[in-house]
PDB file of N, CA and C in Angstrom:
ATOM      1  N   MET A   1     -16.190 -34.176   3.656  1.00  0.00           N
ATOM      2  CA  MET A   1     -17.229 -33.175   3.731  1.00  0.00           C
ATOM      3  C   MET A   1     -16.587 -31.783   3.622  1.00  0.00           C
ATOM      4  N   THR A   2     -17.219 -30.904   2.899  1.00  0.00           N
ATOM      5  CA  THR A   2     -16.705 -29.557   2.670  1.00  0.00           C
ATOM      6  C   THR A   2     -17.433 -28.571   3.563  1.00  0.00           C
ATOM      7  N   ASP A   3     -16.656 -27.727   4.254  1.00  0.00           N
ATOM      8  CA  ASP A   3     -17.268 -26.672   5.061  1.00  0.00           C
ATOM      9  C   ASP A   3     -17.666 -25.524   4.149  1.00  0.00           C
ATOM     10  N   LEU A   4     -18.853 -25.029   4.332  1.00  0.00           N
ATOM     11  CA  LEU A   4     -19.323 -23.886   3.557  1.00  0.00           C
ATOM     12  C   LEU A   4     -19.030 -22.606   4.316  1.00  0.00           C
ATOM     13  N   ILE A   5     -18.714 -21.557   3.585  1.00  0.00           N
ATOM     14  CA  ILE A   5     -18.500 -20.267   4.246  1.00  0.00           C
ATOM     15  C   ILE A   5     -19.776 -19.446   4.120  1.00  0.00           C
ATOM     16  N   SER A   6     -19.968 -18.577   5.077  1.00  0.00           N
ATOM     17  CA  SER A   6     -21.180 -17.756   5.049  1.00  0.00           C
ATOM     18  C   SER A   6     -20.997 -16.620   4.053  1.00  0.00           C
ATOM     19  N   GLU A   7     -22.095 -16.008   3.704  1.00  0.00           N
ATOM     20  CA  GLU A   7     -22.061 -14.844   2.812  1.00  0.00           C
ATOM     21  C   GLU A   7     -21.232 -13.725   3.444  1.00  0.00           C
ATOM     22  N   ALA A   8     -21.367 -13.533   4.754  1.00  0.00           N
ATOM     23  CA  ALA A   8     -20.609 -12.492   5.457  1.00  0.00           C
ATOM     24  C   ALA A   8     -19.108 -12.783   5.414  1.00  0.00           C
ATOM     25  N   ASP A   9     -18.728 -14.051   5.619  1.00  0.00           N
ATOM     26  CA  ASP A   9     -17.308 -14.430   5.535  1.00  0.00           C
ATOM     27  C   ASP A   9     -16.758 -14.169   4.136  1.00  0.00           C
ATOM     28  N   TYR A  10     -17.546 -14.510   3.135  1.00  0.00           N
ATOM     29  CA  TYR A  10     -17.137 -14.293   1.751  1.00  0.00           C
ATOM     30  C   TYR A  10     -16.931 -12.807   1.476  1.00  0.00           C
ATOM     31  N   LEU A  11     -17.875 -11.967   1.888  1.00  0.00           N
ATOM     32  CA  LEU A  11     -17.770 -10.523   1.659  1.00  0.00           C
ATOM     33  C   LEU A  11     -16.608  -9.913   2.430  1.00  0.00           C
ATOM     34  N   ASN A  12     -16.363 -10.409   3.659  1.00  0.00           N
ATOM     35  CA  ASN A  12     -15.215  -9.929   4.434  1.00  0.00           C
ATOM     36  C   ASN A  12     -13.894 -10.296   3.752  1.00  0.00           C
ATOM     37  N   ALA A  13     -13.805 -11.500   3.241  1.00  0.00           N
ATOM     38  CA  ALA A  13     -12.583 -11.933   2.547  1.00  0.00           C
ATOM     39  C   ALA A  13     -12.375 -11.120   1.269  1.00  0.00           C
ATOM     40  N   LEU A  14     -13.438 -10.835   0.558  1.00  0.00           N
ATOM     41  CA  LEU A  14     -13.364 -10.023  -0.654  1.00  0.00           C
ATOM     42  C   LEU A  14     -12.874  -8.609  -0.329  1.00  0.00           C
ATOM     43  N   ALA A  15     -13.416  -8.018   0.722  1.00  0.00           N
ATOM     44  CA  ALA A  15     -13.003  -6.669   1.140  1.00  0.00           C
ATOM     45  C   ALA A  15     -11.542  -6.659   1.579  1.00  0.00           C
ATOM     46  N   ALA A  16     -11.122  -7.680   2.306  1.00  0.00           N
ATOM     47  CA  ALA A  16      -9.724  -7.766   2.747  1.00  0.00           C
ATOM     48  C   ALA A  16      -8.795  -7.887   1.539  1.00  0.00           C
ATOM     49  N   GLY A  17      -9.182  -8.655   0.558  1.00  0.00           N
ATOM     50  CA  GLY A  17      -8.383  -8.792  -0.656  1.00  0.00           C
ATOM     51  C   GLY A  17      -8.274  -7.486  -1.415  1.00  0.00           C
ATOM     52  N   ARG A  18      -9.348  -6.734  -1.473  1.00  0.00           N
ATOM     53  CA  ARG A  18      -9.315  -5.428  -2.148  1.00  0.00           C
ATOM     54  C   ARG A  18      -8.402  -4.453  -1.412  1.00  0.00           C
ATOM     55  N   ARG A  19      -8.458  -4.467  -0.077  1.00  0.00           N
ATOM     56  CA  ARG A  19      -7.573  -3.581   0.707  1.00  0.00           C
ATOM     57  C   ARG A  19      -6.113  -3.948   0.475  1.00  0.00           C
ATOM     58  N   ARG A  20      -5.813  -5.230   0.503  1.00  0.00           N
ATOM     59  CA  ARG A  20      -4.439  -5.682   0.277  1.00  0.00           C
ATOM     60  C   ARG A  20      -3.986  -5.324  -1.134  1.00  0.00           C
ATOM     61  N   SER A  21      -4.869  -5.457  -2.089  1.00  0.00           N
ATOM     62  CA  SER A  21      -4.544  -5.148  -3.470  1.00  0.00           C
ATOM     63  C   SER A  21      -4.186  -3.671  -3.647  1.00  0.00           C
ATOM     64  N   ARG A  22      -4.840  -2.790  -2.917  1.00  0.00           N
ATOM     65  CA  ARG A  22      -4.532  -1.353  -3.007  1.00  0.00           C
ATOM     66  C   ARG A  22      -3.190  -1.032  -2.370  1.00  0.00           C
ATOM     67  N   ARG A  23      -2.773  -1.803  -1.369  1.00  0.00           N
ATOM     68  CA  ARG A  23      -1.506  -1.544  -0.663  1.00  0.00           C
ATOM     69  C   ARG A  23      -0.299  -2.108  -1.397  1.00  0.00           C
ATOM     70  N   GLU A  24      -0.459  -3.222  -2.062  1.00  0.00           N
ATOM     71  CA  GLU A  24       0.662  -3.890  -2.712  1.00  0.00           C
ATOM     72  C   GLU A  24       1.031  -3.182  -4.013  1.00  0.00           C
ATOM     73  N   PRO A  25       2.339  -2.990  -4.231  1.00  0.00           N
ATOM     74  CA  PRO A  25       2.740  -2.418  -5.515  1.00  0.00           C
ATOM     75  C   PRO A  25       2.477  -3.424  -6.634  1.00  0.00           C
ATOM     76  N   ARG A  26       1.979  -2.932  -7.741  1.00  0.00           N
ATOM     77  CA  ARG A  26       1.674  -3.794  -8.876  1.00  0.00           C
ATOM     78  C   ARG A  26       2.303  -3.224 -10.139  1.00  0.00           C
ATOM     79  N   ALA A  27       2.821  -4.121 -10.939  1.00  0.00           N
ATOM     80  CA  ALA A  27       3.439  -3.727 -12.201  1.00  0.00           C
ATOM     81  C   ALA A  27       2.564  -4.164 -13.370  1.00  0.00           C
ATOM     82  N   LEU A  28       2.629  -3.378 -14.424  1.00  0.00           N
ATOM     83  CA  LEU A  28       1.932  -3.734 -15.655  1.00  0.00           C
ATOM     84  C   LEU A  28       2.877  -4.405 -16.641  1.00  0.00           C
ATOM     85  N   ALA A  29       4.153  -4.007 -16.593  1.00  0.00           N
ATOM     86  CA  ALA A  29       5.130  -4.553 -17.534  1.00  0.00           C
ATOM     87  C   ALA A  29       6.532  -4.446 -16.953  1.00  0.00           C
ATOM     88  N   ALA A  30       7.400  -5.317 -17.414  1.00  0.00           N
ATOM     89  CA  ALA A  30       8.819  -5.274 -17.057  1.00  0.00           C
ATOM     90  C   ALA A  30       9.610  -5.685 -18.289  1.00  0.00           C
ATOM     91  N   ALA A  31      10.718  -4.982 -18.510  1.00  0.00           N
ATOM     92  CA  ALA A  31      11.548  -5.291 -19.679  1.00  0.00           C
ATOM     93  C   ALA A  31      12.999  -4.974 -19.370  1.00  0.00           C
ATOM     94  N   TYR A  32      13.880  -5.651 -20.069  1.00  0.00           N
ATOM     95  CA  TYR A  32      15.305  -5.395 -19.932  1.00  0.00           C
ATOM     96  C   TYR A  32      15.709  -4.335 -20.939  1.00  0.00           C
ATOM     97  N   ALA A  33      16.324  -3.247 -20.452  1.00  0.00           N
ATOM     98  CA  ALA A  33      16.836  -2.178 -21.308  1.00  0.00           C
ATOM     99  C   ALA A  33      18.331  -2.431 -21.497  1.00  0.00           C
ATOM    100  N   ALA A  34      18.692  -3.104 -22.556  1.00  0.00           N
ATOM    101  CA  ALA A  34      20.077  -3.526 -22.781  1.00  0.00           C
ATOM    102  C   ALA A  34      21.037  -2.345 -22.877  1.00  0.00           C
ATOM    103  N   ASP A  35      20.603  -1.260 -23.488  1.00  0.00           N
ATOM    104  CA  ASP A  35      21.497  -0.116 -23.659  1.00  0.00           C
ATOM    105  C   ASP A  35      21.896   0.527 -22.333  1.00  0.00           C
ATOM    106  N   ARG A  36      21.079   0.325 -21.302  1.00  0.00           N
ATOM    107  CA  ARG A  36      21.385   0.873 -19.975  1.00  0.00           C
ATOM    108  C   ARG A  36      21.674  -0.224 -18.948  1.00  0.00           C
ATOM    109  N   ASP A  37      21.601  -1.485 -19.380  1.00  0.00           N
ATOM    110  CA  ASP A  37      21.778  -2.636 -18.498  1.00  0.00           C
ATOM    111  C   ASP A  37      20.906  -2.471 -17.249  1.00  0.00           C
ATOM    112  N   ALA A  38      19.630  -2.205 -17.494  1.00  0.00           N
ATOM    113  CA  ALA A  38      18.685  -1.935 -16.408  1.00  0.00           C
ATOM    114  C   ALA A  38      17.364  -2.642 -16.686  1.00  0.00           C
ATOM    115  N   ILE A  39      16.594  -2.808 -15.616  1.00  0.00           N
ATOM    116  CA  ILE A  39      15.249  -3.368 -15.719  1.00  0.00           C
ATOM    117  C   ILE A  39      14.264  -2.211 -15.626  1.00  0.00           C
ATOM    118  N   ALA A  40      13.429  -2.073 -16.636  1.00  0.00           N
ATOM    119  CA  ALA A  40      12.417  -1.021 -16.663  1.00  0.00           C
ATOM    120  C   ALA A  40      11.085  -1.631 -16.253  1.00  0.00           C
ATOM    121  N   ILE A  41      10.472  -1.042 -15.226  1.00  0.00           N
ATOM    122  CA  ILE A  41       9.203  -1.562 -14.710  1.00  0.00           C
ATOM    123  C   ILE A  41       8.158  -0.462 -14.808  1.00  0.00           C
ATOM    124  N   THR A  42       7.048  -0.755 -15.462  1.00  0.00           N
ATOM    125  CA  THR A  42       5.925   0.177 -15.544  1.00  0.00           C
ATOM    126  C   THR A  42       4.918  -0.230 -14.479  1.00  0.00           C
ATOM    127  N   MET A  43       4.656   0.694 -13.554  1.00  0.00           N
ATOM    128  CA  MET A  43       3.783   0.400 -12.423  1.00  0.00           C
ATOM    129  C   MET A  43       2.318   0.684 -12.763  1.00  0.00           C
ATOM    130  N   ALA A  44       1.423   0.007 -12.067  1.00  0.00           N
ATOM    131  CA  ALA A  44      -0.004   0.170 -12.292  1.00  0.00           C
ATOM    132  C   ALA A  44      -0.462   1.595 -11.987  1.00  0.00           C
ATOM    133  N   GLY A  45       0.250   2.294 -11.111  1.00  0.00           N
ATOM    134  CA  GLY A  45      -0.108   3.671 -10.779  1.00  0.00           C
ATOM    135  C   GLY A  45       0.256   4.673 -11.862  1.00  0.00           C
ATOM    136  N   GLY A  46       0.875   4.212 -12.940  1.00  0.00           N
ATOM    137  CA  GLY A  46       1.200   5.081 -14.050  1.00  0.00           C
ATOM    138  C   GLY A  46       2.635   5.580 -14.058  1.00  0.00           C
ATOM    139  N   TRP A  47       3.433   5.233 -13.085  1.00  0.00           N
ATOM    140  CA  TRP A  47       4.826   5.674 -13.076  1.00  0.00           C
ATOM    141  C   TRP A  47       5.734   4.540 -13.504  1.00  0.00           C
ATOM    142  N   ARG A  48       6.959   4.896 -13.824  1.00  0.00           N
ATOM    143  CA  ARG A  48       7.932   3.944 -14.344  1.00  0.00           C
ATOM    144  C   ARG A  48       9.213   4.049 -13.535  1.00  0.00           C
ATOM    145  N   ILE A  49       9.856   2.926 -13.338  1.00  0.00           N
ATOM    146  CA  ILE A  49      11.106   2.897 -12.582  1.00  0.00           C
ATOM    147  C   ILE A  49      12.114   2.048 -13.342  1.00  0.00           C
ATOM    148  N   GLU A  50      13.364   2.482 -13.325  1.00  0.00           N
ATOM    149  CA  GLU A  50      14.443   1.692 -13.904  1.00  0.00           C
ATOM    150  C   GLU A  50      15.425   1.355 -12.797  1.00  0.00           C
ATOM    151  N   ILE A  51      15.812   0.100 -12.750  1.00  0.00           N
ATOM    152  CA  ILE A  51      16.743  -0.365 -11.727  1.00  0.00           C
ATOM    153  C   ILE A  51      17.924  -1.011 -12.437  1.00  0.00           C
ATOM    154  N   GLU A  52      19.112  -0.564 -12.106  1.00  0.00           N
ATOM    155  CA  GLU A  52      20.304  -1.155 -12.703  1.00  0.00           C
ATOM    156  C   GLU A  52      20.344  -2.646 -12.369  1.00  0.00           C
ATOM    157  N   ARG A  53      20.637  -3.452 -13.367  1.00  0.00           N
ATOM    158  CA  ARG A  53      20.659  -4.907 -13.166  1.00  0.00           C
ATOM    159  C   ARG A  53      21.645  -5.300 -12.066  1.00  0.00           C
ATOM    160  N   ALA A  54      22.734  -4.568 -11.939  1.00  0.00           N
ATOM    161  CA  ALA A  54      23.752  -4.875 -10.923  1.00  0.00           C
ATOM    162  C   ALA A  54      23.208  -4.756  -9.502  1.00  0.00           C
ATOM    163  N   ARG A  55      22.082  -4.064  -9.318  1.00  0.00           N
ATOM    164  CA  ARG A  55      21.494  -3.899  -7.988  1.00  0.00           C
ATOM    165  C   ARG A  55      20.477  -4.992  -7.651  1.00  0.00           C
ATOM    166  N   ILE A  56      20.233  -5.892  -8.591  1.00  0.00           N
ATOM    167  CA  ILE A  56      19.253  -6.968  -8.371  1.00  0.00           C
ATOM    168  C   ILE A  56      20.016  -8.286  -8.292  1.00  0.00           C
ATOM    169  N   ALA A  57      20.214  -8.756  -7.093  1.00  0.00           N
ATOM    170  CA  ALA A  57      21.054  -9.939  -6.845  1.00  0.00           C
ATOM    171  C   ALA A  57      20.659 -11.143  -7.702  1.00  0.00           C
ATOM    172  N   GLU A  58      19.376 -11.345  -7.894  1.00  0.00           N
ATOM    173  CA  GLU A  58      18.905 -12.517  -8.637  1.00  0.00           C
ATOM    174  C   GLU A  58      19.245 -12.452 -10.124  1.00  0.00           C
ATOM    175  N   LEU A  59      19.554 -11.254 -10.633  1.00  0.00           N
ATOM    176  CA  LEU A  59      19.807 -11.096 -12.062  1.00  0.00           C
ATOM    177  C   LEU A  59      21.273 -10.841 -12.410  1.00  0.00           C
ATOM    178  N   VAL A  60      22.085 -10.519 -11.421  1.00  0.00           N
ATOM    179  CA  VAL A  60      23.482 -10.144 -11.658  1.00  0.00           C
ATOM    180  C   VAL A  60      24.254 -11.210 -12.430  1.00  0.00           C
ATOM    181  N   ALA A  61      24.131 -12.441 -12.057  1.00  0.00           N
ATOM    182  CA  ALA A  61      24.934 -13.507 -12.658  1.00  0.00           C
ATOM    183  C   ALA A  61      24.401 -13.994 -14.006  1.00  0.00           C
ATOM    184  N   LEU A  62      23.212 -13.560 -14.370  1.00  0.00           N
ATOM    185  CA  LEU A  62      22.623 -14.027 -15.627  1.00  0.00           C
ATOM    186  C   LEU A  62      23.161 -13.235 -16.811  1.00  0.00           C
ATOM    187  N   PRO A  63      23.321 -13.884 -17.948  1.00  0.00           N
ATOM    188  CA  PRO A  63      23.756 -13.153 -19.138  1.00  0.00           C
ATOM    189  C   PRO A  63      22.620 -12.251 -19.630  1.00  0.00           C
ATOM    190  N   PRO A  64      22.958 -11.107 -20.193  1.00  0.00           N
ATOM    191  CA  PRO A  64      21.913 -10.203 -20.694  1.00  0.00           C
ATOM    192  C   PRO A  64      20.949 -10.882 -21.662  1.00  0.00           C
ATOM    193  N   SER A  65      21.442 -11.827 -22.437  1.00  0.00           N
ATOM    194  CA  SER A  65      20.563 -12.514 -23.402  1.00  0.00           C
ATOM    195  C   SER A  65      19.425 -13.266 -22.712  1.00  0.00           C
ATOM    196  N   ALA A  66      19.621 -13.673 -21.463  1.00  0.00           N
ATOM    197  CA  ALA A  66      18.573 -14.396 -20.733  1.00  0.00           C
ATOM    198  C   ALA A  66      17.445 -13.464 -20.288  1.00  0.00           C
ATOM    199  N   LEU A  67      17.707 -12.178 -20.258  1.00  0.00           N
ATOM    200  CA  LEU A  67      16.727 -11.225 -19.727  1.00  0.00           C
ATOM    201  C   LEU A  67      15.674 -10.781 -20.735  1.00  0.00           C
ATOM    202  N   VAL A  68      15.791 -11.203 -21.966  1.00  0.00           N
ATOM    203  CA  VAL A  68      14.803 -10.802 -22.971  1.00  0.00           C
ATOM    204  C   VAL A  68      13.420 -11.385 -22.669  1.00  0.00           C
ATOM    205  N   ASN A  69      13.366 -12.445 -21.890  1.00  0.00           N
ATOM    206  CA  ASN A  69      12.086 -13.083 -21.562  1.00  0.00           C
ATOM    207  C   ASN A  69      11.520 -12.635 -20.222  1.00  0.00           C
ATOM    208  N   LEU A  70      12.015 -11.530 -19.687  1.00  0.00           N
ATOM    209  CA  LEU A  70      11.530 -11.008 -18.415  1.00  0.00           C
ATOM    210  C   LEU A  70      10.045 -10.659 -18.533  1.00  0.00           C
ATOM    211  N   SER A  71       9.279 -10.985 -17.505  1.00  0.00           N
ATOM    212  CA  SER A  71       7.843 -10.684 -17.535  1.00  0.00           C
ATOM    213  C   SER A  71       7.346 -10.366 -16.133  1.00  0.00           C
ATOM    214  N   VAL A  72       6.081 -10.023 -16.054  1.00  0.00           N
ATOM    215  CA  VAL A  72       5.426  -9.715 -14.786  1.00  0.00           C
ATOM    216  C   VAL A  72       4.448 -10.844 -14.485  1.00  0.00           C
ATOM    217  N   SER A  73       4.334 -11.198 -13.208  1.00  0.00           N
ATOM    218  CA  SER A  73       3.389 -12.250 -12.821  1.00  0.00           C
ATOM    219  C   SER A  73       1.965 -11.820 -13.175  1.00  0.00           C
ATOM    220  N   PRO A  74       1.047 -12.766 -13.321  1.00  0.00           N
ATOM    221  CA  PRO A  74      -0.334 -12.413 -13.661  1.00  0.00           C
ATOM    222  C   PRO A  74      -0.964 -11.397 -12.698  1.00  0.00           C
ATOM    223  N   ALA A  75      -0.615 -11.468 -11.427  1.00  0.00           N
ATOM    224  CA  ALA A  75      -1.169 -10.513 -10.450  1.00  0.00           C
ATOM    225  C   ALA A  75      -0.418  -9.183 -10.457  1.00  0.00           C
ATOM    226  N   GLY A  76       0.743  -9.139 -11.128  1.00  0.00           N
ATOM    227  CA  GLY A  76       1.528  -7.915 -11.172  1.00  0.00           C
ATOM    228  C   GLY A  76       2.375  -7.678  -9.946  1.00  0.00           C
ATOM    229  N   THR A  77       2.524  -8.680  -9.107  1.00  0.00           N
ATOM    230  CA  THR A  77       3.241  -8.511  -7.845  1.00  0.00           C
ATOM    231  C   THR A  77       4.665  -9.059  -7.868  1.00  0.00           C
ATOM    232  N   ALA A  78       5.088  -9.612  -8.994  1.00  0.00           N
ATOM    233  CA  ALA A  78       6.433 -10.184  -9.083  1.00  0.00           C
ATOM    234  C   ALA A  78       6.968 -10.036 -10.495  1.00  0.00           C
ATOM    235  N   ILE A  79       8.292 -10.009 -10.575  1.00  0.00           N
ATOM    236  CA  ILE A  79       8.974 -10.044 -11.859  1.00  0.00           C
ATOM    237  C   ILE A  79       9.454 -11.480 -12.035  1.00  0.00           C
ATOM    238  N   GLU A  80       9.243 -12.013 -13.221  1.00  0.00           N
ATOM    239  CA  GLU A  80       9.549 -13.419 -13.439  1.00  0.00           C
ATOM    240  C   GLU A  80      10.447 -13.618 -14.658  1.00  0.00           C
ATOM    241  N   LEU A  81      11.268 -14.611 -14.542  1.00  0.00           N
ATOM    242  CA  LEU A  81      12.094 -15.066 -15.651  1.00  0.00           C
ATOM    243  C   LEU A  81      12.016 -16.594 -15.591  1.00  0.00           C
ATOM    244  N   ASP A  82      10.958 -17.122 -16.179  1.00  0.00           N
ATOM    245  CA  ASP A  82      10.661 -18.549 -16.053  1.00  0.00           C
ATOM    246  C   ASP A  82      11.772 -19.445 -16.579  1.00  0.00           C
ATOM    247  N   THR A  83      12.437 -19.033 -17.643  1.00  0.00           N
ATOM    248  CA  THR A  83      13.490 -19.880 -18.219  1.00  0.00           C
ATOM    249  C   THR A  83      14.645 -20.099 -17.245  1.00  0.00           C
ATOM    250  N   GLU A  84      14.831 -19.170 -16.316  1.00  0.00           N
ATOM    251  CA  GLU A  84      15.907 -19.281 -15.328  1.00  0.00           C
ATOM    252  C   GLU A  84      15.369 -19.600 -13.930  1.00  0.00           C
ATOM    253  N   ASP A  85      14.053 -19.832 -13.821  1.00  0.00           N
ATOM    254  CA  ASP A  85      13.379 -20.099 -12.550  1.00  0.00           C
ATOM    255  C   ASP A  85      13.638 -18.980 -11.533  1.00  0.00           C
ATOM    256  N   VAL A  86      13.473 -17.740 -11.993  1.00  0.00           N
ATOM    257  CA  VAL A  86      13.663 -16.563 -11.143  1.00  0.00           C
ATOM    258  C   VAL A  86      12.311 -15.880 -10.956  1.00  0.00           C
ATOM    259  N   HIS A  87      11.959 -15.643  -9.694  1.00  0.00           N
ATOM    260  CA  HIS A  87      10.722 -14.949  -9.342  1.00  0.00           C
ATOM    261  C   HIS A  87      11.070 -13.968  -8.238  1.00  0.00           C
ATOM    262  N   ILE A  88      10.918 -12.667  -8.522  1.00  0.00           N
ATOM    263  CA  ILE A  88      11.318 -11.625  -7.586  1.00  0.00           C
ATOM    264  C   ILE A  88      10.088 -10.842  -7.150  1.00  0.00           C
ATOM    265  N   SER A  89       9.830 -10.824  -5.859  1.00  0.00           N
ATOM    266  CA  SER A  89       8.714 -10.054  -5.320  1.00  0.00           C
ATOM    267  C   SER A  89       8.933  -8.575  -5.613  1.00  0.00           C
ATOM    268  N   LEU A  90       7.944  -7.938  -6.209  1.00  0.00           N
ATOM    269  CA  LEU A  90       8.051  -6.519  -6.516  1.00  0.00           C
ATOM    270  C   LEU A  90       8.126  -5.695  -5.237  1.00  0.00           C
ATOM    271  N   GLU A  91       7.335  -6.061  -4.250  1.00  0.00           N
ATOM    272  CA  GLU A  91       7.351  -5.342  -2.977  1.00  0.00           C
ATOM    273  C   GLU A  91       8.724  -5.426  -2.322  1.00  0.00           C
ATOM    274  N   GLY A  92       9.311  -6.616  -2.300  1.00  0.00           N
ATOM    275  CA  GLY A  92      10.641  -6.790  -1.714  1.00  0.00           C
ATOM    276  C   GLY A  92      11.713  -6.055  -2.495  1.00  0.00           C
ATOM    277  N   LEU A  93      11.627  -6.118  -3.827  1.00  0.00           N
ATOM    278  CA  LEU A  93      12.607  -5.428  -4.665  1.00  0.00           C
ATOM    279  C   LEU A  93      12.559  -3.925  -4.433  1.00  0.00           C
ATOM    280  N   LEU A  94      11.374  -3.362  -4.443  1.00  0.00           N
ATOM    281  CA  LEU A  94      11.248  -1.919  -4.243  1.00  0.00           C
ATOM    282  C   LEU A  94      11.700  -1.505  -2.847  1.00  0.00           C
ATOM    283  N   ALA A  95      11.418  -2.335  -1.859  1.00  0.00           N
ATOM    284  CA  ALA A  95      11.826  -2.005  -0.485  1.00  0.00           C
ATOM    285  C   ALA A  95      13.346  -1.966  -0.348  1.00  0.00           C
ATOM    286  N   THR A  96      14.060  -2.788  -1.101  1.00  0.00           N
ATOM    287  CA  THR A  96      15.517  -2.791  -0.998  1.00  0.00           C
ATOM    288  C   THR A  96      16.170  -1.740  -1.887  1.00  0.00           C
ATOM    289  N   ILE A  97      15.468  -1.252  -2.884  1.00  0.00           N
ATOM    290  CA  ILE A  97      16.046  -0.325  -3.857  1.00  0.00           C
ATOM    291  C   ILE A  97      15.717   1.139  -3.561  1.00  0.00           C
ATOM    292  N   LEU A  98      14.476   1.416  -3.225  1.00  0.00           N
ATOM    293  CA  LEU A  98      14.044   2.809  -3.096  1.00  0.00           C
ATOM    294  C   LEU A  98      14.333   3.396  -1.721  1.00  0.00           C
ATOM    295  N   PRO A  99      14.749   4.655  -1.691  1.00  0.00           N
ATOM    296  CA  PRO A  99      14.978   5.321  -0.402  1.00  0.00           C
ATOM    297  C   PRO A  99      13.635   5.595   0.294  1.00  0.00           C
ATOM    298  N   VAL A 100      13.508   5.118   1.510  1.00  0.00           N
ATOM    299  CA  VAL A 100      12.244   5.209   2.238  1.00  0.00           C
ATOM    300  C   VAL A 100      11.813   6.658   2.464  1.00  0.00           C
ATOM    301  N   LYS A 101      12.737   7.537   2.790  1.00  0.00           N
ATOM    302  CA  LYS A 101      12.378   8.936   3.044  1.00  0.00           C
ATOM    303  C   LYS A 101      11.793   9.591   1.804  1.00  0.00           C
ATOM    304  N   ALA A 102      12.353   9.295   0.653  1.00  0.00           N
ATOM    305  CA  ALA A 102      11.834   9.870  -0.588  1.00  0.00           C
ATOM    306  C   ALA A 102      10.418   9.385  -0.850  1.00  0.00           C
ATOM    307  N   LEU A 103      10.163   8.108  -0.582  1.00  0.00           N
ATOM    308  CA  LEU A 103       8.813   7.577  -0.789  1.00  0.00           C
ATOM    309  C   LEU A 103       7.819   8.206   0.171  1.00  0.00           C
ATOM    310  N   ALA A 104       8.221   8.437   1.398  1.00  0.00           N
ATOM    311  CA  ALA A 104       7.326   9.053   2.376  1.00  0.00           C
ATOM    312  C   ALA A 104       6.959  10.468   1.928  1.00  0.00           C
ATOM    313  N   ARG A 105       7.942  11.207   1.437  1.00  0.00           N
ATOM    314  CA  ARG A 105       7.647  12.556   0.939  1.00  0.00           C
ATOM    315  C   ARG A 105       6.746  12.495  -0.272  1.00  0.00           C
ATOM    316  N   ARG A 106       6.946  11.493  -1.124  1.00  0.00           N
ATOM    317  CA  ARG A 106       6.122  11.364  -2.323  1.00  0.00           C
ATOM    318  C   ARG A 106       4.671  11.078  -1.950  1.00  0.00           C
ATOM    319  N   ALA A 107       4.464  10.341  -0.882  1.00  0.00           N
ATOM    320  CA  ALA A 107       3.096  10.045  -0.468  1.00  0.00           C
ATOM    321  C   ALA A 107       2.372  11.329  -0.077  1.00  0.00           C
ATOM    322  N   ASP A 108       3.115  12.307   0.424  1.00  0.00           N
ATOM    323  CA  ASP A 108       2.519  13.586   0.793  1.00  0.00           C
ATOM    324  C   ASP A 108       2.270  14.482  -0.415  1.00  0.00           C
ATOM    325  N   ARG A 109       3.040  14.301  -1.481  1.00  0.00           N
ATOM    326  CA  ARG A 109       2.914  15.137  -2.679  1.00  0.00           C
ATOM    327  C   ARG A 109       2.534  14.258  -3.859  1.00  0.00           C
ATOM    328  N   ARG A 110       1.335  13.847  -3.916  1.00  0.00           N
ATOM    329  CA  ARG A 110       0.936  12.893  -4.961  1.00  0.00           C
ATOM    330  C   ARG A 110       0.742  13.540  -6.325  1.00  0.00           C
ATOM    331  N   LYS A 111       0.832  14.854  -6.406  1.00  0.00           N
ATOM    332  CA  LYS A 111       0.638  15.535  -7.684  1.00  0.00           C
ATOM    333  C   LYS A 111       1.734  15.192  -8.686  1.00  0.00           C
ATOM    334  N   GLU A 112       2.984  15.264  -8.255  1.00  0.00           N
ATOM    335  CA  GLU A 112       4.117  15.044  -9.146  1.00  0.00           C
ATOM    336  C   GLU A 112       4.573  13.599  -9.039  1.00  0.00           C
ATOM    337  N   ARG A 113       4.758  12.966 -10.165  1.00  0.00           N
ATOM    338  CA  ARG A 113       5.210  11.582 -10.171  1.00  0.00           C
ATOM    339  C   ARG A 113       6.548  11.495 -10.876  1.00  0.00           C
ATOM    340  N   PRO A 114       7.546  10.879 -10.236  1.00  0.00           N
ATOM    341  CA  PRO A 114       8.819  10.717 -10.940  1.00  0.00           C
ATOM    342  C   PRO A 114       8.646   9.734 -12.086  1.00  0.00           C
ATOM    343  N   SER A 115       9.384   9.949 -13.142  1.00  0.00           N
ATOM    344  CA  SER A 115       9.267   9.039 -14.274  1.00  0.00           C
ATOM    345  C   SER A 115      10.265   7.897 -14.184  1.00  0.00           C
ATOM    346  N   THR A 116      11.324   8.066 -13.379  1.00  0.00           N
ATOM    347  CA  THR A 116      12.321   7.003 -13.239  1.00  0.00           C
ATOM    348  C   THR A 116      12.842   6.981 -11.818  1.00  0.00           C
ATOM    349  N   LEU A 117      13.605   5.973 -11.506  1.00  0.00           N
ATOM    350  CA  LEU A 117      14.239   5.853 -10.201  1.00  0.00           C
ATOM    351  C   LEU A 117      15.165   7.034  -9.958  1.00  0.00           C
ATOM    352  N   LEU A 118      15.812   7.519 -11.006  1.00  0.00           N
ATOM    353  CA  LEU A 118      16.724   8.649 -10.846  1.00  0.00           C
ATOM    354  C   LEU A 118      15.983   9.870 -10.315  1.00  0.00           C
ATOM    355  N   ASP A 119      14.745  10.082 -10.763  1.00  0.00           N
ATOM    356  CA  ASP A 119      13.958  11.210 -10.273  1.00  0.00           C
ATOM    357  C   ASP A 119      13.632  11.031  -8.798  1.00  0.00           C
ATOM    358  N   VAL A 120      13.355   9.802  -8.361  1.00  0.00           N
ATOM    359  CA  VAL A 120      13.065   9.545  -6.949  1.00  0.00           C
ATOM    360  C   VAL A 120      14.313   9.840  -6.126  1.00  0.00           C
ATOM    361  N   ARG A 121      15.481   9.422  -6.617  1.00  0.00           N
ATOM    362  CA  ARG A 121      16.721   9.655  -5.890  1.00  0.00           C
ATOM    363  C   ARG A 121      17.018  11.139  -5.769  1.00  0.00           C
ATOM    364  N   ARG A 122      16.705  11.934  -6.776  1.00  0.00           N
ATOM    365  CA  ARG A 122      16.959  13.375  -6.726  1.00  0.00           C
ATOM    366  C   ARG A 122      16.143  14.032  -5.633  1.00  0.00           C
ATOM    367  N   GLU A 123      14.967  13.452  -5.349  1.00  0.00           N
ATOM    368  CA  GLU A 123      14.120  14.025  -4.300  1.00  0.00           C
ATOM    369  C   GLU A 123      14.635  13.700  -2.908  1.00  0.00           C
ATOM    370  N   ALA A 124      15.464  12.682  -2.768  1.00  0.00           N
ATOM    371  CA  ALA A 124      15.934  12.239  -1.448  1.00  0.00           C
ATOM    372  C   ALA A 124      16.816  13.278  -0.774  1.00  0.00           C
TER     373      ALA A 124
END
């Protein structure tokens, strides 16, 4: 027998999902920039970040040729490399890479958006 949920439960779950969706970082695209040996991530908020491959533990040991198939999960919350069975949480990756103080200041000044990780570091 299947338990039915009420209309109120359904609407509450929908609202909770929308709130979580606004809080979670989401990516639109991810690609390997071979000339810089970096991963370029375009975020849903319109900004872009590049992270040196050497700073991403899951990708360090992989040959650059394996990174051409890098993609973003359907929800935009992870970077994936299915051929190597690699799935990296975007939230976790950003938390380990970005300086927290710089992000806090950026939240206060939403007018200017850095175009790369280097711009975020300059603000720190």
